[in-house]
Amino acid sequence: MEVTADDGDVLGLVDDRLVTFRAGPGAAASSASFRFHDRADGLAIPLPPGQGRPVYDLPVGQVVYFDDEDLLFVEHGGVAMAAALRQGVVDTWVVAGDRARWLASHPFFTIGLLELLKRQGLFSLHAAGCSAGGGKVVLLAGPSGAGKSTLALALTRAGFGLLGDDTLFLGRDAGDVGVLGFPDEVDVTDATTGLLPELGYLLGRPKPPGALKHRLRAEEVFGQPVSTGRATALVFPEVTSAVGSVLTPMAEEEALLRLAPDVLLTERTASQAHLDALGRLAGNCPAYRLETGRDLNRVVYLVRDLFAE
């Protein structure tokens, strides 16, 4: 794919995320284009013409899909995106300011990318993934704030391989529980950096402009990422104030209900295929609820035991 931007800062932020995927000389022609435009005048970008329907509720802003055009429109925080998914073109308009640049290069870019890949048979999973070797992967799924990144980094420092800390992919033809890694930047809170000694150096640094968390590339601290694997367990962490952590089995139906809301119901065929992929994962992979306490080292052993089952 090709990424262009009027603002060099936005282009740099996207490049930092995709450094692992940079295309070298002789790369094939791009089949997708992401174009970032300045909105220096601050004027609102109007909704495209036609009949659209909301596909996600934002406290402020809108996420609207137009079936006839296969077009997704998103507006929030001074950023507007029109993703012409059938054509493989994603246009994003950005007002000045660090926060808007971060929104454009992170959540907005991610939404456009995931929707394009969904139409290519790669289905996103809002989860971290860690491998214990032999191709076996444990998935840590859940919303932002569930503790995915903290647990993934704790497992990585204990010798697991990291596929990604927030987004992974399931392939249509990658097997019932085949997982593809996505080595994006890792975003960590002050609390996480305080728990992991290797990350203590981040506490003395300011957060990147516009970001709410610290940013690092995990391979610079814990070694190279893992690209593929086979899901062995699906774990849904929940941060608690308890001293001890507790791992309990979860029914397949509940696991699917937790995964399904992350699917934007845009183009019908691709969205149904995405839901089917999540259904195969929940049906073929044992699921667990992990109530995470303050004993982070014990959590590593709880997860490690899942690979022995």
Foldseek 3Di string as FASTA:
>chain_A
DEEEEPDVVLVVLLCQFCVVPDDDPPDDDDQAYEYEYEPAVLDDDDDDDDDWDFQDDDPDWTWIFHAVQRWIWTDDDQKIWIASLVSRYIYMYFYDFLQRSCCCSPVVVVVNVQVNVLVVQKAKFQWWWWAPDPQEIETAHADPPLCQLLLQLLLLQVPIATLDRTMWIDGLPQDLFKIFGRQGKGFDAPVSLVVDVQSVVCVPPDAPTSDPTHIDRSCVRRNDHDTIGGYAEYEYGHEDADADKDKAWDALVVQLVRGLSVQRCYHPVSSVSNSVSSSSNSVPYTYIYMHDYPPSVVVSVVVVVSVVD
